[in-house]
Amino acid sequence: MPKILIVDDSEQDRLQLMHMLEKEGFTTIEAESGEEGVELAAKEKPKLILMDVVMPGMNGFRAVRAIKKQEALTHIPVIMVTTKGQDTDRIWAMRQGAQAFLTKPINKKELLGKIHEFLRV
């Protein structure tokens, strides 16, 4: 199954997503900061990225922008997974290169639907 990168500074949120995805047969890798997420995306070339917005240092918006600037990574779909639910946040995420925007707490059915839509698995 495809490899998914989870980028979130909350260990609890990372573990929740990791367990949810691994039960569905996906392979997961994790990063706890935007900087680490950009590095792992370049190194591991995951099939999809789940990106939090609010993180210390490089936030999720900046991390998505950095990922999408790399030619080898522009094709990787990014789903923002965040507590920020304002329309302006959603619009800004899409302008940075995200393909979808979901708010926490995560609806498992909605998340898996988006993942299957983007990966066609």
C-alpha atoms as a PDB file:
ATOM      1  CA  MET A   1       0.000   0.000   0.000  1.00  0.00           C
ATOM      2  CA  PRO A   2       1.078   3.599  -0.524  1.00  0.00           C
ATOM      3  CA  LYS A   3       3.289   5.437   1.950  1.00  0.00           C
ATOM      4  CA  ILE A   4       1.696   8.438   3.706  1.00  0.00           C
ATOM      5  CA  LEU A   5       3.667  11.139   5.528  1.00  0.00           C
ATOM      6  CA  ILE A   6       1.986  12.537   8.655  1.00  0.00           C
ATOM      7  CA  VAL A   7       3.302  15.961   9.721  1.00  0.00           C
ATOM      8  CA  ASP A   8       1.976  17.166  13.087  1.00  0.00           C
ATOM      9  CA  ASP A   9       3.615  18.499  16.238  1.00  0.00           C
ATOM     10  CA  SER A  10       1.051  16.663  18.408  1.00  0.00           C
ATOM     11  CA  GLU A  11       2.257  13.153  19.195  1.00  0.00           C
ATOM     12  CA  GLN A  12      -1.294  12.123  20.090  1.00  0.00           C
ATOM     13  CA  ASP A  13      -2.650  13.322  16.725  1.00  0.00           C
ATOM     14  CA  ARG A  14       0.193  11.615  14.830  1.00  0.00           C
ATOM     15  CA  LEU A  15      -0.427   8.333  16.642  1.00  0.00           C
ATOM     16  CA  GLN A  16      -4.182   8.535  16.045  1.00  0.00           C
ATOM     17  CA  LEU A  17      -3.675   9.093  12.305  1.00  0.00           C
ATOM     18  CA  MET A  18      -0.939   6.464  12.111  1.00  0.00           C
ATOM     19  CA  HIS A  19      -3.113   3.790  13.751  1.00  0.00           C
ATOM     20  CA  MET A  20      -6.128   4.712  11.618  1.00  0.00           C
ATOM     21  CA  LEU A  21      -4.133   4.503   8.380  1.00  0.00           C
ATOM     22  CA  GLU A  22      -2.149   1.388   9.247  1.00  0.00           C
ATOM     23  CA  LYS A  23      -5.407  -0.456  10.062  1.00  0.00           C
ATOM     24  CA  GLU A  24      -6.406   0.343   6.468  1.00  0.00           C
ATOM     25  CA  GLY A  25      -3.158  -1.133   5.173  1.00  0.00           C
ATOM     26  CA  PHE A  26      -1.206   2.070   4.506  1.00  0.00           C
ATOM     27  CA  THR A  27       2.443   2.514   5.428  1.00  0.00           C
ATOM     28  CA  THR A  28       3.074   5.667   7.453  1.00  0.00           C
ATOM     29  CA  ILE A  29       6.041   7.830   8.296  1.00  0.00           C
ATOM     30  CA  GLU A  30       5.905  10.737  10.718  1.00  0.00           C
ATOM     31  CA  ALA A  31       7.404  14.167  11.177  1.00  0.00           C
ATOM     32  CA  GLU A  32       6.850  16.388  14.207  1.00  0.00           C
ATOM     33  CA  SER A  33       7.647  19.729  12.549  1.00  0.00           C
ATOM     34  CA  GLY A  34       7.233  21.489   9.239  1.00  0.00           C
ATOM     35  CA  GLU A  35      10.985  21.453   8.668  1.00  0.00           C
ATOM     36  CA  GLU A  36      11.201  17.722   9.307  1.00  0.00           C
ATOM     37  CA  GLY A  37       8.170  17.177   7.069  1.00  0.00           C
ATOM     38  CA  VAL A  38       9.834  18.954   4.143  1.00  0.00           C
ATOM     39  CA  GLU A  39      13.023  16.919   4.646  1.00  0.00           C
ATOM     40  CA  LEU A  40      11.175  13.590   4.884  1.00  0.00           C
ATOM     41  CA  ALA A  41       9.027  14.397   1.852  1.00  0.00           C
ATOM     42  CA  ALA A  42      12.185  14.954  -0.212  1.00  0.00           C
ATOM     43  CA  LYS A  43      13.906  11.850   1.162  1.00  0.00           C
ATOM     44  CA  GLU A  44      10.999   9.370   1.258  1.00  0.00           C
ATOM     45  CA  LYS A  45       8.806  10.629  -1.623  1.00  0.00           C
ATOM     46  CA  PRO A  46       5.493   9.559  -0.025  1.00  0.00           C
ATOM     47  CA  LYS A  47       2.378   9.106  -2.152  1.00  0.00           C
ATOM     48  CA  LEU A  48       0.397  11.566   0.030  1.00  0.00           C
ATOM     49  CA  ILE A  49       1.029  14.009   2.890  1.00  0.00           C
ATOM     50  CA  LEU A  50      -1.226  14.853   5.840  1.00  0.00           C
ATOM     51  CA  MET A  51      -0.118  18.274   7.126  1.00  0.00           C
ATOM     52  CA  ASP A  52      -1.086  20.124  10.294  1.00  0.00           C
ATOM     53  CA  VAL A  53      -1.115  23.932  10.108  1.00  0.00           C
ATOM     54  CA  VAL A  54      -0.284  25.133  13.613  1.00  0.00           C
ATOM     55  CA  MET A  55       3.261  24.021  14.464  1.00  0.00           C
ATOM     56  CA  PRO A  56       6.215  25.840  16.011  1.00  0.00           C
ATOM     57  CA  GLY A  57       8.875  27.024  13.595  1.00  0.00           C
ATOM     58  CA  MET A  58       7.762  26.321  10.051  1.00  0.00           C
ATOM     59  CA  ASN A  59       3.967  26.127  10.038  1.00  0.00           C
ATOM     60  CA  GLY A  60       2.029  23.846   7.701  1.00  0.00           C
ATOM     61  CA  PHE A  61       1.324  26.563   5.136  1.00  0.00           C
ATOM     62  CA  ARG A  62       5.036  27.299   4.754  1.00  0.00           C
ATOM     63  CA  ALA A  63       5.883  23.584   4.678  1.00  0.00           C
ATOM     64  CA  VAL A  64       3.387  22.926   1.863  1.00  0.00           C
ATOM     65  CA  ARG A  65       4.798  25.864  -0.088  1.00  0.00           C
ATOM     66  CA  ALA A  66       8.347  24.502   0.389  1.00  0.00           C
ATOM     67  CA  ILE A  67       7.297  21.017  -0.735  1.00  0.00           C
ATOM     68  CA  LYS A  68       5.429  22.263  -3.787  1.00  0.00           C
ATOM     69  CA  LYS A  69       8.460  24.334  -4.879  1.00  0.00           C
ATOM     70  CA  GLN A  70      10.473  21.129  -5.326  1.00  0.00           C
ATOM     71  CA  GLU A  71       9.918  19.759  -8.813  1.00  0.00           C
ATOM     72  CA  ALA A  72      10.246  16.137  -7.667  1.00  0.00           C
ATOM     73  CA  LEU A  73       7.476  16.669  -5.081  1.00  0.00           C
ATOM     74  CA  THR A  74       4.893  18.872  -6.810  1.00  0.00           C
ATOM     75  CA  HIS A  75       2.739  15.881  -7.769  1.00  0.00           C
ATOM     76  CA  ILE A  76       2.295  14.674  -4.163  1.00  0.00           C
ATOM     77  CA  PRO A  77      -1.208  15.465  -2.868  1.00  0.00           C
ATOM     78  CA  VAL A  78      -1.320  17.316   0.458  1.00  0.00           C
ATOM     79  CA  ILE A  79      -4.306  17.190   2.775  1.00  0.00           C
ATOM     80  CA  MET A  80      -4.277  19.833   5.495  1.00  0.00           C
ATOM     81  CA  VAL A  81      -5.492  18.353   8.802  1.00  0.00           C
ATOM     82  CA  THR A  82      -5.937  21.140  11.330  1.00  0.00           C
ATOM     83  CA  THR A  83      -7.930  22.762  14.106  1.00  0.00           C
ATOM     84  CA  LYS A  84      -8.084  25.947  12.027  1.00  0.00           C
ATOM     85  CA  GLY A  85     -11.478  25.929  10.352  1.00  0.00           C
ATOM     86  CA  GLN A  86     -11.961  29.407   8.948  1.00  0.00           C
ATOM     87  CA  ASP A  87     -12.709  29.884   5.256  1.00  0.00           C
ATOM     88  CA  THR A  88      -9.629  32.102   4.993  1.00  0.00           C
ATOM     89  CA  ASP A  89      -7.467  29.233   6.305  1.00  0.00           C
ATOM     90  CA  ARG A  90      -8.967  26.850   3.744  1.00  0.00           C
ATOM     91  CA  ILE A  91      -8.428  29.332   0.896  1.00  0.00           C
ATOM     92  CA  TRP A  92      -4.852  30.060   2.018  1.00  0.00           C
ATOM     93  CA  ALA A  93      -4.064  26.320   2.237  1.00  0.00           C
ATOM     94  CA  MET A  94      -5.248  25.791  -1.341  1.00  0.00           C
ATOM     95  CA  ARG A  95      -3.196  28.764  -2.543  1.00  0.00           C
ATOM     96  CA  GLN A  96      -0.104  27.173  -0.985  1.00  0.00           C
ATOM     97  CA  GLY A  97      -0.695  23.969  -2.932  1.00  0.00           C
ATOM     98  CA  ALA A  98      -2.867  21.766  -0.684  1.00  0.00           C
ATOM     99  CA  GLN A  99      -5.471  19.626  -2.446  1.00  0.00           C
ATOM    100  CA  ALA A 100      -7.859  19.289   0.516  1.00  0.00           C
ATOM    101  CA  PHE A 101      -8.534  20.798   3.932  1.00  0.00           C
ATOM    102  CA  LEU A 102     -10.023  18.817   6.837  1.00  0.00           C
ATOM    103  CA  THR A 103     -10.625  20.037  10.376  1.00  0.00           C
ATOM    104  CA  LYS A 104      -9.879  18.201  13.597  1.00  0.00           C
ATOM    105  CA  PRO A 105     -11.286  16.142  15.149  1.00  0.00           C
ATOM    106  CA  ILE A 106     -10.886  14.019  12.044  1.00  0.00           C
ATOM    107  CA  ASN A 107     -13.842  12.244  10.543  1.00  0.00           C
ATOM    108  CA  LYS A 108     -12.349   8.856   9.607  1.00  0.00           C
ATOM    109  CA  LYS A 109     -14.739   8.249   6.718  1.00  0.00           C
ATOM    110  CA  GLU A 110     -14.094  11.694   5.227  1.00  0.00           C
ATOM    111  CA  LEU A 111     -10.308  11.370   5.563  1.00  0.00           C
ATOM    112  CA  LEU A 112     -10.190   7.894   4.041  1.00  0.00           C
ATOM    113  CA  GLY A 113     -12.483   9.054   1.247  1.00  0.00           C
ATOM    114  CA  LYS A 114     -10.092  11.895   0.378  1.00  0.00           C
ATOM    115  CA  ILE A 115      -7.069   9.589   0.543  1.00  0.00           C
ATOM    116  CA  HIS A 116      -8.709   7.049  -1.772  1.00  0.00           C
ATOM    117  CA  GLU A 117      -9.796   9.850  -4.113  1.00  0.00           C
ATOM    118  CA  PHE A 118      -6.257  11.213  -4.451  1.00  0.00           C
ATOM    119  CA  LEU A 119      -4.461   7.873  -4.542  1.00  0.00           C
ATOM    120  CA  ARG A 120      -7.131   5.962  -6.437  1.00  0.00           C
ATOM    121  CA  VAL A 121      -6.623   2.898  -4.222  1.00  0.00           C
END
